[in-house]
Amino acid sequence: MASTPDPPVHRWRPTRARTRIIGWVLLLVLLALGVVTLVTWRLLIQATDHRMNEALRSEVDEFAGYTAAGINPRTGQPFRTVDEVIGEAIAYNVARPNEKFLGYVDGVYRTQSRQEPGTPAVLAADPAFAALVARVDVPRSGTYESPAAGEVHYLAIPVTLVGDPAGGVIVAAYLADAERASANTAAQLMLVVGGVTVLGAGAAAWLVAGRILRPLRDVAETARTITDTDLSRRIPDAEESDELGDLVRTVNAMLDRVESGVAAQRRFADDAGHELRTPITIVRGHLEVLDPNDPEDVRATVALVDDELGRMNRMVSDLLLLARSEQPSFLHVEPVDVASLTAEVVEKVEQLGDREWVLETAADVDARLDPQRITQAVVALADNACRHTGPGDRIAIGSQVTGGRLRFWVADSGAGVDSADRERIFERFARGPAARRSEGAGLGLSIVRAIAVAHGGQVLLDSVPGRGATFTVEIPAVEVR
């Protein structure tokens, strides 16, 4: 039964990450808008209250200057009554918008400043306000909550005149709520503009969040397309130099390692299955025809099985080594005296066969490399040269630094390598011509190349058929300082 395909991913649909980003952005914008609006509104209210208080104090100074001489400036005659003083003072002062001047004589309302036609006399007709200010005997200031006008700031000043027993009061008042209306209007306008800004910020956050999260969507989509048979897909890299760009490159590098590891496992399984099938078939065939009653047949079969099992063991070990060569932990790099390492390798390979072993030259340098792997590679090359030469033939070994590259070589005087075989012999399970076939599995040169590649180098072959071959492991000369 065919599996149901995954539903398509619609980019326009909101994701949880995108929603959270937009939610946090809008929350921060709203918080900032609220704080700015509140602070601005409070500053405007404080400025308005300060202006009203300053205006009330200035009215006191104006009234004192107006009545100090006791002369009516309009007639040039002395004031005769308190009622006249109050009337002239209120007529003389021009009230600002939302400002009121009221006059009381013996606790009774007498007059107020001019106001626009149709404007109700909210304070003149308010008995509670009159009871508060009409009979003060010392200057009094404060606030009053008017049922019709809201909050009122006032300053009441008592008025007396020599020769007149009546007592008067002049009141300067500001309709504070009305005066603050401009501040409230500004705050409301800021909220309206802020609301439009929030909508714009939300739309911008939607677009920006989508662009920022695109690499993450690419990661998810790529992960959905990767299967155990196809690991070749990679996340598109926009070469961004930010955290998401680093994430994309890191995930792609991880996929490279996974693909390399899976490929190594597949090669190991394919190679092992291909090469181990033959010795297993040989062992099984001989065991099936074994005559248990024939001691000679039993000894011969046991010897053959032992030989085949040894060959299988070497083959599996070599395959495991090749598989590990593609892992980061394959090398253990350390500072190495190359001259001493070269001399030690020559001492080890002298026991491989009756050959004329020669140390041509040794690089007098300290370099960073894996001494065990390099030794393994050179020994493998020496063993290969030994198998393709005869007793007494010359095999030269050496090392040298040239052009920033460190070279280890093994040169023999054997039959050489045909040009058609130069690339093939480095492949797994490849062997030389039939006349030169050895008992090995054909993995030696593959291991040598894997060691060189792990060091960031390569294996070079210089050969003339009939005149020998020179195999060179060339790696970067990372010198120790």
Protein backbone atom coordinates (compact mmCIF):
# COMPACT_ATOMS: atom_id res chain seq x y z
CA MET A 1 0.00 0.00 0.00
CA ALA A 2 1.44 3.33 -1.03
CA SER A 3 2.30 5.71 1.77
CA THR A 4 0.40 8.95 2.04
CA PRO A 5 2.60 11.92 1.05
CA ASP A 6 3.21 14.66 3.56
CA PRO A 7 0.86 17.61 3.23
CA PRO A 8 2.37 20.58 1.41
CA VAL A 9 3.84 23.35 3.53
CA HIS A 10 2.14 26.71 2.90
CA ARG A 11 4.49 29.59 3.56
CA TRP A 12 1.66 32.01 4.22
CA ARG A 13 0.35 30.02 7.17
CA PRO A 14 1.43 31.40 10.55
CA THR A 15 3.95 29.31 12.42
CA ARG A 16 4.38 29.28 16.16
CA ALA A 17 7.85 30.83 15.98
CA ARG A 18 6.65 33.55 13.62
CA THR A 19 3.60 34.22 15.80
CA ARG A 20 5.74 34.47 18.92
CA ILE A 21 8.12 36.91 17.23
CA ILE A 22 5.26 39.11 16.05
CA GLY A 23 3.55 38.86 19.45
CA TRP A 24 6.68 39.94 21.31
CA VAL A 25 7.34 42.76 18.83
CA LEU A 26 3.78 44.07 19.15
CA LEU A 27 3.89 43.71 22.93
CA LEU A 28 7.11 45.72 23.12
CA VAL A 29 5.75 48.36 20.72
CA LEU A 30 2.52 48.63 22.71
CA LEU A 31 4.46 48.86 25.97
CA ALA A 32 6.74 51.55 24.57
CA LEU A 33 3.76 53.41 23.11
CA GLY A 34 1.91 53.26 26.43
CA VAL A 35 4.91 54.48 28.41
CA VAL A 36 5.66 57.32 25.97
CA THR A 37 2.01 58.39 25.82
CA LEU A 38 1.60 58.30 29.60
CA VAL A 39 4.82 60.21 30.25
CA THR A 40 4.00 62.80 27.59
CA TRP A 41 0.45 63.22 28.90
CA ARG A 42 1.66 63.65 32.47
CA LEU A 43 4.25 66.22 31.40
CA LEU A 44 1.58 68.17 29.48
CA ILE A 45 -0.77 68.04 32.50
CA GLN A 46 1.99 69.23 34.83
CA ALA A 47 2.86 72.07 32.44
CA THR A 48 -0.82 73.07 32.26
CA ASP A 49 -1.22 72.99 36.05
CA HIS A 50 1.95 75.04 36.48
CA ARG A 51 0.72 77.59 33.95
CA MET A 52 -2.64 77.92 35.76
CA ASN A 53 -0.97 78.37 39.16
CA GLU A 54 1.41 80.97 37.76
CA ALA A 55 -1.50 82.81 36.15
CA LEU A 56 -3.38 82.88 39.46
CA ARG A 57 -0.36 84.29 41.30
CA SER A 58 0.07 86.95 38.65
CA GLU A 59 -3.57 87.97 39.15
CA VAL A 60 -2.79 88.67 42.81
CA ASP A 61 0.06 90.97 41.81
CA GLU A 62 -2.10 92.75 39.24
CA PHE A 63 -4.94 93.29 41.70
CA ALA A 64 -2.54 94.59 44.38
CA GLY A 65 -1.06 97.07 41.94
CA TYR A 66 -4.51 98.11 40.76
CA THR A 67 -5.90 98.90 44.23
CA ALA A 68 -2.76 100.14 46.00
CA ALA A 69 -3.36 103.84 45.20
CA GLY A 70 -7.08 103.66 46.13
CA ILE A 71 -7.93 105.68 42.97
CA ASN A 72 -10.31 104.52 40.28
CA PRO A 73 -8.18 104.70 37.09
CA ARG A 74 -11.27 105.09 34.94
CA THR A 75 -12.71 108.19 36.76
CA GLY A 76 -9.64 109.47 38.60
CA GLN A 77 -11.67 109.60 41.82
CA PRO A 78 -11.04 107.67 45.04
CA PHE A 79 -12.90 104.40 45.36
CA ARG A 80 -16.05 104.91 47.44
CA THR A 81 -17.24 101.34 48.07
CA VAL A 82 -15.94 97.80 48.06
CA ASP A 83 -18.51 97.00 45.40
CA GLU A 84 -16.90 99.63 43.14
CA VAL A 85 -13.41 98.23 43.72
CA ILE A 86 -14.52 94.72 42.82
CA GLY A 87 -16.46 95.83 39.76
CA GLU A 88 -13.61 97.93 38.38
CA ALA A 89 -10.99 95.24 39.10
CA ILE A 90 -12.97 92.55 37.31
CA ALA A 91 -13.70 94.85 34.36
CA TYR A 92 -10.03 95.83 34.17
CA ASN A 93 -8.69 92.23 34.02
CA VAL A 94 -9.21 90.40 30.74
CA ALA A 95 -9.94 86.74 31.41
CA ARG A 96 -8.09 84.12 29.42
CA PRO A 97 -9.88 81.14 27.91
CA ASN A 98 -11.15 78.86 30.72
CA GLU A 99 -10.36 81.62 33.26
CA LYS A 100 -13.03 83.23 35.41
CA PHE A 101 -13.10 86.30 37.71
CA LEU A 102 -15.93 86.50 40.22
CA GLY A 103 -16.81 89.12 42.81
CA TYR A 104 -18.66 88.68 46.12
CA VAL A 105 -19.79 91.38 48.59
CA ASP A 106 -20.84 90.35 52.09
CA GLY A 107 -21.06 86.73 50.92
CA VAL A 108 -23.36 87.50 47.99
CA TYR A 109 -22.37 87.02 44.35
CA ARG A 110 -22.21 90.40 42.53
CA THR A 111 -20.39 90.06 39.20
CA GLN A 112 -18.06 88.02 37.00
CA SER A 113 -15.77 88.54 34.04
CA ARG A 114 -17.17 88.68 30.55
CA GLN A 115 -17.66 85.32 28.84
CA GLU A 116 -18.67 84.17 25.42
CA PRO A 117 -22.40 84.37 24.64
CA GLY A 118 -24.24 81.18 25.48
CA THR A 119 -21.63 79.99 27.98
CA PRO A 120 -23.36 78.93 31.21
CA ALA A 121 -22.31 80.62 34.44
CA VAL A 122 -21.07 77.41 36.01
CA LEU A 123 -19.46 79.02 39.09
CA ALA A 124 -21.63 82.12 39.55
CA ALA A 125 -24.69 79.94 40.04
CA ASP A 126 -22.97 77.39 42.26
CA PRO A 127 -23.91 77.97 45.95
CA ALA A 128 -21.38 75.40 47.16
CA PHE A 129 -18.56 77.32 45.49
CA ALA A 130 -19.91 80.61 46.92
CA ALA A 131 -19.98 79.12 50.42
CA LEU A 132 -16.35 78.10 49.94
CA VAL A 133 -14.91 81.47 48.83
CA ALA A 134 -17.44 84.30 49.42
CA ARG A 135 -16.47 85.19 53.00
CA VAL A 136 -12.71 84.51 53.23
CA ASP A 137 -10.76 87.02 55.32
CA VAL A 138 -7.30 85.92 54.17
CA PRO A 139 -6.14 84.89 50.67
CA ARG A 140 -7.02 81.26 50.00
CA SER A 141 -6.16 78.97 47.11
CA GLY A 142 -7.23 75.44 46.34
CA THR A 143 -9.24 73.17 44.10
CA TYR A 144 -12.94 72.61 43.81
CA GLU A 145 -14.84 69.81 42.05
CA SER A 146 -17.65 71.51 40.19
CA PRO A 147 -20.62 69.34 39.17
CA ALA A 148 -20.85 71.22 35.88
CA ALA A 149 -17.24 72.18 35.06
CA GLY A 150 -15.19 69.51 36.75
CA GLU A 151 -12.00 70.38 38.59
CA VAL A 152 -11.50 74.12 39.30
CA HIS A 153 -8.35 75.82 40.56
CA TYR A 154 -9.12 79.05 42.39
CA LEU A 155 -7.53 81.91 44.35
CA ALA A 156 -9.79 84.00 46.60
CA ILE A 157 -8.56 87.45 47.74
CA PRO A 158 -10.42 89.47 50.43
CA VAL A 159 -11.15 93.15 49.60
CA THR A 160 -11.65 95.94 52.17
CA LEU A 161 -11.90 99.70 51.85
CA VAL A 162 -11.53 102.38 54.53
CA GLY A 163 -14.87 104.02 55.17
CA ASP A 164 -16.91 101.08 53.86
CA PRO A 165 -17.86 98.37 56.38
CA ALA A 166 -18.71 95.88 53.63
CA GLY A 167 -16.40 92.95 53.00
CA GLY A 168 -15.70 91.74 49.50
CA VAL A 169 -13.89 88.91 47.78
CA ILE A 170 -12.41 88.66 44.32
CA VAL A 171 -11.97 85.11 43.00
CA ALA A 172 -9.72 84.15 40.10
CA ALA A 173 -10.54 80.61 38.90
CA TYR A 174 -9.39 78.26 36.17
CA LEU A 175 -11.54 75.49 34.72
CA ALA A 176 -8.75 72.93 35.00
CA ASP A 177 -10.46 70.11 33.10
CA ALA A 178 -11.22 72.37 30.19
CA GLU A 179 -7.68 73.80 30.27
CA ARG A 180 -6.26 70.27 30.16
CA ALA A 181 -8.36 69.31 27.17
CA SER A 182 -5.49 70.11 24.78
CA ALA A 183 -3.20 67.74 26.69
CA ASN A 184 -5.85 65.01 26.56
CA THR A 185 -6.34 65.62 22.86
CA ALA A 186 -2.59 65.31 22.25
CA ALA A 187 -2.52 62.01 24.19
CA GLN A 188 -5.46 60.69 22.20
CA LEU A 189 -3.76 61.70 18.96
CA MET A 190 -0.61 59.90 20.07
CA LEU A 191 -2.66 56.77 20.76
CA VAL A 192 -4.26 56.93 17.33
CA VAL A 193 -0.92 57.45 15.61
CA GLY A 194 0.56 54.74 17.83
CA GLY A 195 -2.20 52.33 16.84
CA VAL A 196 -1.41 52.88 13.18
CA THR A 197 2.27 52.43 14.03
CA VAL A 198 1.48 49.13 15.77
CA LEU A 199 -0.31 47.88 12.67
CA GLY A 200 2.63 48.91 10.52
CA ALA A 201 5.05 47.32 12.96
CA GLY A 202 3.00 44.12 12.91
CA ALA A 203 3.09 43.97 9.12
CA ALA A 204 6.82 44.72 9.08
CA ALA A 205 7.44 42.12 11.78
CA TRP A 206 5.52 39.55 9.73
CA LEU A 207 7.73 40.17 6.70
CA VAL A 208 10.98 40.40 8.66
CA ALA A 209 10.19 37.30 10.73
CA GLY A 210 9.42 35.40 7.55
CA ARG A 211 12.75 36.41 6.05
CA ILE A 212 14.66 35.60 9.25
CA LEU A 213 12.98 32.22 9.68
CA ARG A 214 13.39 31.22 6.03
CA PRO A 215 16.62 29.27 6.72
CA LEU A 216 14.82 27.37 9.48
CA ARG A 217 12.02 26.48 7.06
CA ASP A 218 14.65 25.39 4.57
CA VAL A 219 16.19 23.18 7.27
CA ALA A 220 12.82 21.55 7.96
CA GLU A 221 11.99 21.10 4.28
CA THR A 222 15.41 19.66 3.51
CA ALA A 223 15.16 17.30 6.48
CA ARG A 224 11.80 16.05 5.17
CA THR A 225 13.29 15.27 1.77
CA ILE A 226 16.30 13.38 3.11
CA THR A 227 15.87 9.61 3.10
CA ASP A 228 18.16 6.70 3.87
CA THR A 229 18.76 6.33 0.12
CA ASP A 230 19.25 9.99 -0.79
CA LEU A 231 21.42 12.19 1.43
CA SER A 232 22.46 14.60 -1.30
CA ARG A 233 20.04 17.45 -0.53
CA ARG A 234 21.49 20.57 1.11
CA ILE A 235 20.00 23.74 2.55
CA PRO A 236 20.29 26.79 0.26
CA ASP A 237 23.02 29.05 1.62
CA ALA A 238 22.52 32.78 1.09
CA GLU A 239 26.06 33.46 2.42
CA GLU A 240 24.67 35.51 5.31
CA SER A 241 27.23 36.32 8.01
CA ASP A 242 24.82 36.02 10.94
CA GLU A 243 23.76 33.27 13.35
CA LEU A 244 21.25 31.77 10.92
CA GLY A 245 23.87 31.70 8.17
CA ASP A 246 26.19 29.88 10.57
CA LEU A 247 23.35 27.45 11.34
CA VAL A 248 22.78 26.71 7.65
CA ARG A 249 26.47 26.08 7.03
CA THR A 250 26.79 23.99 10.19
CA VAL A 251 23.80 21.81 9.25
CA ASN A 252 25.12 21.41 5.70
CA ALA A 253 28.52 20.39 7.09
CA MET A 254 26.77 17.92 9.37
CA LEU A 255 24.88 16.49 6.39
CA ASP A 256 28.18 16.18 4.53
CA ARG A 257 29.59 14.17 7.41
CA VAL A 258 26.46 12.03 7.65
CA GLU A 259 26.51 11.36 3.91
CA SER A 260 30.21 10.53 4.06
CA GLY A 261 29.67 8.18 6.99
CA VAL A 262 26.73 6.44 5.34
CA ALA A 263 28.68 6.15 2.10
CA ALA A 264 31.60 4.63 4.00
CA GLN A 265 29.26 2.13 5.65
CA ARG A 266 27.73 1.22 2.30
CA ARG A 267 31.13 0.77 0.72
CA PHE A 268 32.23 -1.37 3.64
CA ALA A 269 29.10 -3.53 3.37
CA ASP A 270 29.40 -3.81 -0.43
CA ASP A 271 33.12 -4.54 -0.34
CA ALA A 272 32.86 -7.01 2.52
CA GLY A 273 29.92 -8.79 0.91
CA HIS A 274 31.71 -8.92 -2.44
CA GLU A 275 35.12 -10.07 -1.24
CA LEU A 276 34.13 -12.30 1.67
CA ARG A 277 31.76 -14.32 -0.45
CA THR A 278 34.64 -16.07 -2.27
CA PRO A 279 36.56 -17.36 0.79
CA ILE A 280 33.31 -18.40 2.45
CA THR A 281 32.36 -20.36 -0.68
CA ILE A 282 35.81 -21.98 -0.74
CA VAL A 283 35.61 -22.99 2.94
CA ARG A 284 32.08 -24.33 2.56
CA GLY A 285 32.96 -26.29 -0.58
CA HIS A 286 35.92 -28.00 1.07
CA LEU A 287 33.99 -28.77 4.23
CA GLU A 288 31.20 -30.35 2.19
CA VAL A 289 33.61 -32.82 0.51
CA LEU A 290 35.73 -33.43 3.60
CA ASP A 291 36.34 -37.09 4.41
CA PRO A 292 36.49 -37.28 8.24
CA ASN A 293 38.05 -40.70 8.05
CA ASP A 294 41.02 -39.46 6.03
CA PRO A 295 43.52 -37.75 8.38
CA GLU A 296 45.45 -36.25 5.47
CA ASP A 297 42.30 -34.75 3.98
CA VAL A 298 41.35 -33.35 7.38
CA ARG A 299 44.80 -31.74 7.87
CA ALA A 300 44.75 -30.23 4.39
CA THR A 301 41.23 -28.87 4.81
CA VAL A 302 42.02 -27.40 8.23
CA ALA A 303 45.12 -25.71 6.81
CA LEU A 304 43.08 -24.29 3.92
CA VAL A 305 40.30 -23.08 6.22
CA ASP A 306 42.85 -21.48 8.55
CA ASP A 307 44.49 -19.70 5.62
CA GLU A 308 41.15 -18.45 4.30
CA LEU A 309 40.07 -17.29 7.75
CA GLY A 310 43.36 -15.40 8.16
CA ARG A 311 42.84 -13.76 4.79
CA MET A 312 39.28 -12.84 5.75
CA ASN A 313 40.52 -11.39 9.04
CA ARG A 314 43.10 -9.22 7.26
CA MET A 315 40.51 -8.14 4.73
CA VAL A 316 37.98 -7.12 7.39
CA SER A 317 40.70 -5.26 9.33
CA ASP A 318 41.70 -3.35 6.20
CA LEU A 319 38.09 -2.52 5.37
CA LEU A 320 37.50 -1.24 8.90
CA LEU A 321 40.64 0.87 8.62
CA LEU A 322 39.40 2.39 5.36
CA ALA A 323 36.02 3.10 6.94
CA ARG A 324 37.68 4.81 9.93
CA SER A 325 39.89 6.87 7.61
CA GLU A 326 36.90 9.06 6.75
CA GLN A 327 36.22 9.90 10.39
CA PRO A 328 37.71 12.97 12.15
CA SER A 329 39.27 10.78 14.85
CA PHE A 330 41.31 8.76 12.34
CA LEU A 331 44.45 10.88 12.83
CA HIS A 332 46.28 11.77 16.04
CA VAL A 333 48.50 14.63 14.93
CA GLU A 334 51.54 15.61 17.01
CA PRO A 335 54.96 17.27 16.52
CA VAL A 336 57.33 14.74 14.94
CA ASP A 337 61.04 14.72 14.09
CA VAL A 338 60.76 13.65 10.45
CA ALA A 339 64.40 12.55 10.14
CA SER A 340 64.10 10.18 13.12
CA LEU A 341 60.75 8.88 11.87
CA THR A 342 62.23 8.11 8.43
CA ALA A 343 65.17 6.24 9.95
CA GLU A 344 62.86 4.20 12.19
CA VAL A 345 60.70 3.20 9.21
CA VAL A 346 63.77 1.95 7.33
CA GLU A 347 64.78 -0.18 10.31
CA LYS A 348 61.30 -1.74 10.42
CA VAL A 349 61.01 -2.60 6.72
CA GLU A 350 64.44 -4.24 6.51
CA GLN A 351 62.82 -7.42 7.87
CA LEU A 352 60.28 -7.61 5.05
CA GLY A 353 62.63 -9.36 2.64
CA ASP A 354 66.14 -9.91 1.33
CA ARG A 355 66.44 -6.62 -0.50
CA GLU A 356 68.99 -3.83 -0.72
CA TRP A 357 67.29 -1.31 1.57
CA VAL A 358 68.64 2.24 1.17
CA LEU A 359 67.88 5.43 3.11
CA GLU A 360 68.40 8.07 0.44
CA THR A 361 67.65 11.22 2.46
CA ALA A 362 65.76 12.32 5.57
CA ALA A 363 64.07 15.70 6.01
CA ASP A 364 65.69 17.55 8.92
CA VAL A 365 62.49 19.22 10.10
CA ASP A 366 59.89 18.97 12.85
CA ALA A 367 56.38 18.70 11.41
CA ARG A 368 52.86 18.04 12.69
CA LEU A 369 51.54 14.68 11.49
CA ASP A 370 50.36 11.28 12.71
CA PRO A 371 53.56 9.22 13.00
CA GLN A 372 51.75 5.87 13.26
CA ARG A 373 49.68 6.42 10.12
CA ILE A 374 52.63 7.72 8.10
CA THR A 375 54.67 4.73 9.24
CA GLN A 376 51.79 2.45 8.23
CA ALA A 377 51.63 4.04 4.78
CA VAL A 378 55.39 3.85 4.12
CA VAL A 379 55.54 0.25 5.39
CA ALA A 380 52.64 -0.67 3.09
CA LEU A 381 54.49 0.88 0.14
CA ALA A 382 57.68 -0.94 1.13
CA ASP A 383 55.78 -4.24 1.40
CA ASN A 384 54.26 -3.64 -2.02
CA ALA A 385 57.73 -2.91 -3.45
CA CYS A 386 59.11 -6.04 -1.80
CA ARG A 387 56.43 -8.21 -3.41
CA HIS A 388 57.22 -6.82 -6.85
CA THR A 389 61.00 -7.20 -6.64
CA GLY A 390 63.36 -10.08 -6.24
CA PRO A 391 66.12 -10.94 -3.73
CA GLY A 392 68.94 -8.40 -3.78
CA ASP A 393 66.91 -5.74 -5.68
CA ARG A 394 67.29 -2.16 -4.56
CA ILE A 395 64.48 -0.40 -2.63
CA ALA A 396 65.12 3.22 -1.59
CA ILE A 397 63.23 5.12 1.08
CA GLY A 398 63.48 8.82 1.91
CA SER A 399 61.78 12.04 2.99
CA GLN A 400 62.18 15.65 1.93
CA VAL A 401 60.49 19.06 2.20
CA THR A 402 59.93 20.75 -1.17
CA GLY A 403 57.81 23.84 -1.85
CA GLY A 404 55.97 23.65 1.44
CA ARG A 405 55.16 19.95 0.93
CA LEU A 406 56.55 17.05 2.94
CA ARG A 407 57.23 13.89 0.89
CA PHE A 408 57.86 10.30 1.92
CA TRP A 409 58.80 8.00 -0.96
CA VAL A 410 59.55 4.37 -1.68
CA ALA A 411 61.38 3.63 -4.95
CA ASP A 412 61.92 0.08 -6.23
CA SER A 413 63.72 -1.48 -9.18
CA GLY A 414 60.90 -3.85 -10.11
CA ALA A 415 58.86 -4.22 -13.26
CA GLY A 416 57.05 -0.90 -12.85
CA VAL A 417 53.39 -0.08 -13.48
CA ASP A 418 51.72 0.16 -16.87
CA SER A 419 50.10 3.49 -17.67
CA ALA A 420 46.70 1.79 -17.94
CA ASP A 421 46.97 0.59 -14.34
CA ARG A 422 48.18 3.78 -12.64
CA GLU A 423 44.78 4.92 -11.46
CA ARG A 424 43.18 1.51 -11.04
CA ILE A 425 45.76 0.16 -8.59
CA PHE A 426 44.68 2.71 -5.95
CA GLU A 427 41.10 1.43 -6.06
CA ARG A 428 39.84 -1.07 -3.52
CA PHE A 429 40.52 -4.73 -4.34
CA ALA A 430 42.55 -3.76 -7.39
CA ARG A 431 45.61 -5.89 -8.15
CA GLY A 432 48.37 -5.84 -10.67
CA PRO A 433 48.53 -8.00 -13.81
CA ALA A 434 47.84 -11.69 -13.37
CA ALA A 435 51.51 -12.51 -13.54
CA ARG A 436 52.14 -10.33 -10.52
CA ARG A 437 49.07 -11.11 -8.45
CA SER A 438 49.74 -11.48 -4.78
CA GLU A 439 47.79 -13.11 -2.02
CA GLY A 440 46.63 -9.77 -0.67
CA ALA A 441 43.13 -8.39 -0.96
CA GLY A 442 44.18 -5.38 -3.02
CA LEU A 443 43.57 -2.85 -0.23
CA GLY A 444 47.15 -1.79 0.58
CA LEU A 445 47.42 1.12 -1.86
CA SER A 446 43.86 2.20 -1.03
CA ILE A 447 44.88 2.46 2.63
CA VAL A 448 48.00 4.45 1.70
CA ARG A 449 45.90 6.91 -0.30
CA ALA A 450 43.35 7.20 2.54
CA ILE A 451 46.15 8.09 5.00
CA ALA A 452 47.54 10.72 2.63
CA VAL A 453 44.10 12.25 1.99
CA ALA A 454 43.37 12.34 5.75
CA HIS A 455 46.53 14.46 6.13
CA GLY A 456 45.33 16.77 3.37
CA GLY A 457 47.71 15.30 0.80
CA GLN A 458 47.88 12.74 -1.99
CA VAL A 459 49.80 9.74 -3.32
CA LEU A 460 51.96 10.22 -6.42
CA LEU A 461 53.24 7.51 -8.75
CA ASP A 462 56.25 7.85 -11.04
CA SER A 463 56.92 4.69 -13.01
CA VAL A 464 58.49 3.50 -16.23
CA PRO A 465 57.56 -0.09 -17.18
CA GLY A 466 60.59 -2.31 -16.78
CA ARG A 467 62.53 0.27 -14.75
CA GLY A 468 60.72 0.29 -11.41
CA ALA A 469 58.26 2.60 -9.67
CA THR A 470 58.38 5.38 -7.09
CA PHE A 471 55.38 5.86 -4.81
CA THR A 472 55.33 9.20 -2.92
CA VAL A 473 53.10 10.23 0.00
CA GLU A 474 52.88 14.00 -0.23
CA ILE A 475 51.30 16.00 2.61
CA PRO A 476 51.37 19.68 3.70
CA ALA A 477 54.55 20.51 5.63
CA VAL A 478 53.02 21.91 8.82
CA GLU A 479 56.23 22.83 10.61
CA VAL A 480 56.48 23.16 14.38
CA ARG A 481 57.55 26.65 15.48
